Amino acid sequence: MDLKGKQVIIVGERDGVPGPAIEECVKSVGAVPVMVQTQCFV
């Protein structure tokens, strides 16, 4: 999947992979994060 130039919404999990970690990954492939959140799902 080519994400270069695409806008993405990121929802991470507190006990799993947090939003900022996912943000760094999608930035590295050229995507543009427009919203990043880390939620707690219990």
PDB file of N, CA and C in Angstrom:
ATOM      1  N   MET A   1       0.843  -1.168   0.000  1.00  0.00           N
ATOM      2  CA  MET A   1       0.000   0.000   0.000  1.00  0.00           C
ATOM      3  C   MET A   1       0.896   1.241   0.000  1.00  0.00           C
ATOM      4  N   ASP A   2       0.648   2.148  -0.898  1.00  0.00           N
ATOM      5  CA  ASP A   2       1.422   3.379  -1.005  1.00  0.00           C
ATOM      6  C   ASP A   2       0.720   4.489  -0.226  1.00  0.00           C
ATOM      7  N   LEU A   3       1.341   4.962   0.844  1.00  0.00           N
ATOM      8  CA  LEU A   3       0.750   6.020   1.666  1.00  0.00           C
ATOM      9  C   LEU A   3       1.349   7.392   1.393  1.00  0.00           C
ATOM     10  N   LYS A   4       2.281   7.478   0.460  1.00  0.00           N
ATOM     11  CA  LYS A   4       2.959   8.737   0.196  1.00  0.00           C
ATOM     12  C   LYS A   4       1.962   9.842  -0.175  1.00  0.00           C
ATOM     13  N   GLY A   5       1.969  10.926   0.623  1.00  0.00           N
ATOM     14  CA  GLY A   5       1.088  12.061   0.371  1.00  0.00           C
ATOM     15  C   GLY A   5      -0.329  11.902   0.897  1.00  0.00           C
ATOM     16  N   LYS A   6      -0.658  10.752   1.451  1.00  0.00           N
ATOM     17  CA  LYS A   6      -2.012  10.517   1.982  1.00  0.00           C
ATOM     18  C   LYS A   6      -2.125  11.111   3.386  1.00  0.00           C
ATOM     19  N   GLN A   7      -3.334  11.554   3.739  1.00  0.00           N
ATOM     20  CA  GLN A   7      -3.610  12.031   5.085  1.00  0.00           C
ATOM     21  C   GLN A   7      -4.165  10.877   5.906  1.00  0.00           C
ATOM     22  N   VAL A   8      -3.662  10.724   7.135  1.00  0.00           N
ATOM     23  CA  VAL A   8      -4.086   9.603   7.968  1.00  0.00           C
ATOM     24  C   VAL A   8      -4.528  10.076   9.346  1.00  0.00           C
ATOM     25  N   ILE A   9      -5.479   9.341   9.917  1.00  0.00           N
ATOM     26  CA  ILE A   9      -5.923   9.531  11.291  1.00  0.00           C
ATOM     27  C   ILE A   9      -5.390   8.344  12.080  1.00  0.00           C
ATOM     28  N   ILE A  10      -4.726   8.627  13.194  1.00  0.00           N
ATOM     29  CA  ILE A  10      -4.066   7.576  13.962  1.00  0.00           C
ATOM     30  C   ILE A  10      -4.702   7.476  15.338  1.00  0.00           C
ATOM     31  N   VAL A  11      -5.109   6.262  15.704  1.00  0.00           N
ATOM     32  CA  VAL A  11      -5.613   5.997  17.049  1.00  0.00           C
ATOM     33  C   VAL A  11      -4.759   4.883  17.640  1.00  0.00           C
ATOM     34  N   GLY A  12      -3.939   5.244  18.626  1.00  0.00           N
ATOM     35  CA  GLY A  12      -3.094   4.266  19.287  1.00  0.00           C
ATOM     36  C   GLY A  12      -3.741   3.796  20.580  1.00  0.00           C
ATOM     37  N   GLU A  13      -3.080   2.857  21.250  1.00  0.00           N
ATOM     38  CA  GLU A  13      -3.597   2.325  22.507  1.00  0.00           C
ATOM     39  C   GLU A  13      -2.535   2.490  23.589  1.00  0.00           C
ATOM     40  N   ARG A  14      -2.963   2.879  24.774  1.00  0.00           N
ATOM     41  CA  ARG A  14      -2.044   3.149  25.874  1.00  0.00           C
ATOM     42  C   ARG A  14      -1.208   1.933  26.233  1.00  0.00           C
ATOM     43  N   ASP A  15      -1.808   0.757  26.329  1.00  0.00           N
ATOM     44  CA  ASP A  15      -1.092  -0.450  26.718  1.00  0.00           C
ATOM     45  C   ASP A  15      -0.511  -1.210  25.525  1.00  0.00           C
ATOM     46  N   GLY A  16      -0.768  -0.735  24.339  1.00  0.00           N
ATOM     47  CA  GLY A  16      -0.246  -1.371  23.127  1.00  0.00           C
ATOM     48  C   GLY A  16       0.734  -0.437  22.442  1.00  0.00           C
ATOM     49  N   VAL A  17       0.440  -0.073  21.221  1.00  0.00           N
ATOM     50  CA  VAL A  17       1.284   0.838  20.462  1.00  0.00           C
ATOM     51  C   VAL A  17       0.680   2.235  20.561  1.00  0.00           C
ATOM     52  N   PRO A  18       1.390   3.191  21.184  1.00  0.00           N
ATOM     53  CA  PRO A  18       0.860   4.538  21.336  1.00  0.00           C
ATOM     54  C   PRO A  18       0.839   5.306  20.012  1.00  0.00           C
ATOM     55  N   GLY A  19      -0.053   6.281  19.940  1.00  0.00           N
ATOM     56  CA  GLY A  19      -0.220   7.083  18.728  1.00  0.00           C
ATOM     57  C   GLY A  19       1.058   7.702  18.188  1.00  0.00           C
ATOM     58  N   PRO A  20       1.888   8.344  19.039  1.00  0.00           N
ATOM     59  CA  PRO A  20       3.112   8.958  18.523  1.00  0.00           C
ATOM     60  C   PRO A  20       4.074   7.971  17.856  1.00  0.00           C
ATOM     61  N   ALA A  21       4.092   6.720  18.324  1.00  0.00           N
ATOM     62  CA  ALA A  21       4.949   5.715  17.693  1.00  0.00           C
ATOM     63  C   ALA A  21       4.442   5.392  16.288  1.00  0.00           C
ATOM     64  N   ILE A  22       3.132   5.267  16.146  1.00  0.00           N
ATOM     65  CA  ILE A  22       2.546   5.015  14.829  1.00  0.00           C
ATOM     66  C   ILE A  22       2.776   6.229  13.924  1.00  0.00           C
ATOM     67  N   GLU A  23       2.671   7.409  14.500  1.00  0.00           N
ATOM     68  CA  GLU A  23       2.890   8.646  13.727  1.00  0.00           C
ATOM     69  C   GLU A  23       4.274   8.667  13.093  1.00  0.00           C
ATOM     70  N   GLU A  24       5.291   8.299  13.851  1.00  0.00           N
ATOM     71  CA  GLU A  24       6.648   8.276  13.309  1.00  0.00           C
ATOM     72  C   GLU A  24       6.777   7.281  12.167  1.00  0.00           C
ATOM     73  N   CYS A  25       6.098   6.151  12.283  1.00  0.00           N
ATOM     74  CA  CYS A  25       6.144   5.139  11.215  1.00  0.00           C
ATOM     75  C   CYS A  25       5.499   5.644   9.935  1.00  0.00           C
ATOM     76  N   VAL A  26       4.305   6.257  10.054  1.00  0.00           N
ATOM     77  CA  VAL A  26       3.629   6.710   8.835  1.00  0.00           C
ATOM     78  C   VAL A  26       4.333   7.908   8.213  1.00  0.00           C
ATOM     79  N   LYS A  27       4.972   8.731   9.034  1.00  0.00           N
ATOM     80  CA  LYS A  27       5.759   9.850   8.490  1.00  0.00           C
ATOM     81  C   LYS A  27       6.939   9.326   7.677  1.00  0.00           C
ATOM     82  N   SER A  28       7.525   8.220   8.131  1.00  0.00           N
ATOM     83  CA  SER A  28       8.697   7.677   7.449  1.00  0.00           C
ATOM     84  C   SER A  28       8.372   7.143   6.053  1.00  0.00           C
ATOM     85  N   VAL A  29       7.087   6.829   5.797  1.00  0.00           N
ATOM     86  CA  VAL A  29       6.708   6.360   4.464  1.00  0.00           C
ATOM     87  C   VAL A  29       6.040   7.460   3.641  1.00  0.00           C
ATOM     88  N   GLY A  30       6.034   8.702   4.188  1.00  0.00           N
ATOM     89  CA  GLY A  30       5.547   9.827   3.406  1.00  0.00           C
ATOM     90  C   GLY A  30       4.106  10.233   3.641  1.00  0.00           C
ATOM     91  N   ALA A  31       3.426   9.615   4.607  1.00  0.00           N
ATOM     92  CA  ALA A  31       2.043   9.990   4.906  1.00  0.00           C
ATOM     93  C   ALA A  31       2.021  11.244   5.780  1.00  0.00           C
ATOM     94  N   VAL A  32       0.867  11.898   5.830  1.00  0.00           N
ATOM     95  CA  VAL A  32       0.701  13.122   6.602  1.00  0.00           C
ATOM     96  C   VAL A  32      -0.325  12.874   7.712  1.00  0.00           C
ATOM     97  N   PRO A  33       0.126  12.782   8.971  1.00  0.00           N
ATOM     98  CA  PRO A  33      -0.829  12.586  10.067  1.00  0.00           C
ATOM     99  C   PRO A  33      -1.643  13.868  10.302  1.00  0.00           C
ATOM    100  N   VAL A  34      -2.961  13.749  10.282  1.00  0.00           N
ATOM    101  CA  VAL A  34      -3.810  14.918  10.528  1.00  0.00           C
ATOM    102  C   VAL A  34      -4.409  14.898  11.925  1.00  0.00           C
ATOM    103  N   MET A  35      -4.444  13.723  12.557  1.00  0.00           N
ATOM    104  CA  MET A  35      -4.913  13.610  13.933  1.00  0.00           C
ATOM    105  C   MET A  35      -4.244  12.397  14.564  1.00  0.00           C
ATOM    106  N   VAL A  36      -3.690  12.591  15.770  1.00  0.00           N
ATOM    107  CA  VAL A  36      -3.025  11.506  16.484  1.00  0.00           C
ATOM    108  C   VAL A  36      -3.560  11.483  17.908  1.00  0.00           C
ATOM    109  N   GLN A  37      -4.071  10.324  18.333  1.00  0.00           N
ATOM    110  CA  GLN A  37      -4.565  10.169  19.688  1.00  0.00           C
ATOM    111  C   GLN A  37      -4.126   8.826  20.236  1.00  0.00           C
ATOM    112  N   THR A  38      -3.965   8.793  21.559  1.00  0.00           N
ATOM    113  CA  THR A  38      -3.714   7.541  22.247  1.00  0.00           C
ATOM    114  C   THR A  38      -4.876   7.348  23.217  1.00  0.00           C
ATOM    115  N   GLN A  39      -5.585   6.251  23.074  1.00  0.00           N
ATOM    116  CA  GLN A  39      -6.759   5.969  23.890  1.00  0.00           C
ATOM    117  C   GLN A  39      -6.475   4.816  24.845  1.00  0.00           C
ATOM    118  N   CYS A  40      -7.312   4.693  25.864  1.00  0.00           N
ATOM    119  CA  CYS A  40      -7.241   3.575  26.797  1.00  0.00           C
ATOM    120  C   CYS A  40      -8.503   2.758  26.615  1.00  0.00           C
ATOM    121  N   PHE A  41      -8.366   1.548  26.096  1.00  0.00           N
ATOM    122  CA  PHE A  41      -9.509   0.676  25.864  1.00  0.00           C
ATOM    123  C   PHE A  41      -9.567  -0.358  26.982  1.00  0.00           C
ATOM    124  N   VAL A  42     -10.576  -0.267  27.821  1.00  0.00           N
ATOM    125  CA  VAL A  42     -10.719  -1.243  28.915  1.00  0.00           C
ATOM    126  C   VAL A  42     -12.057  -1.923  28.850  1.00  0.00           C
TER     127      VAL A  42
END
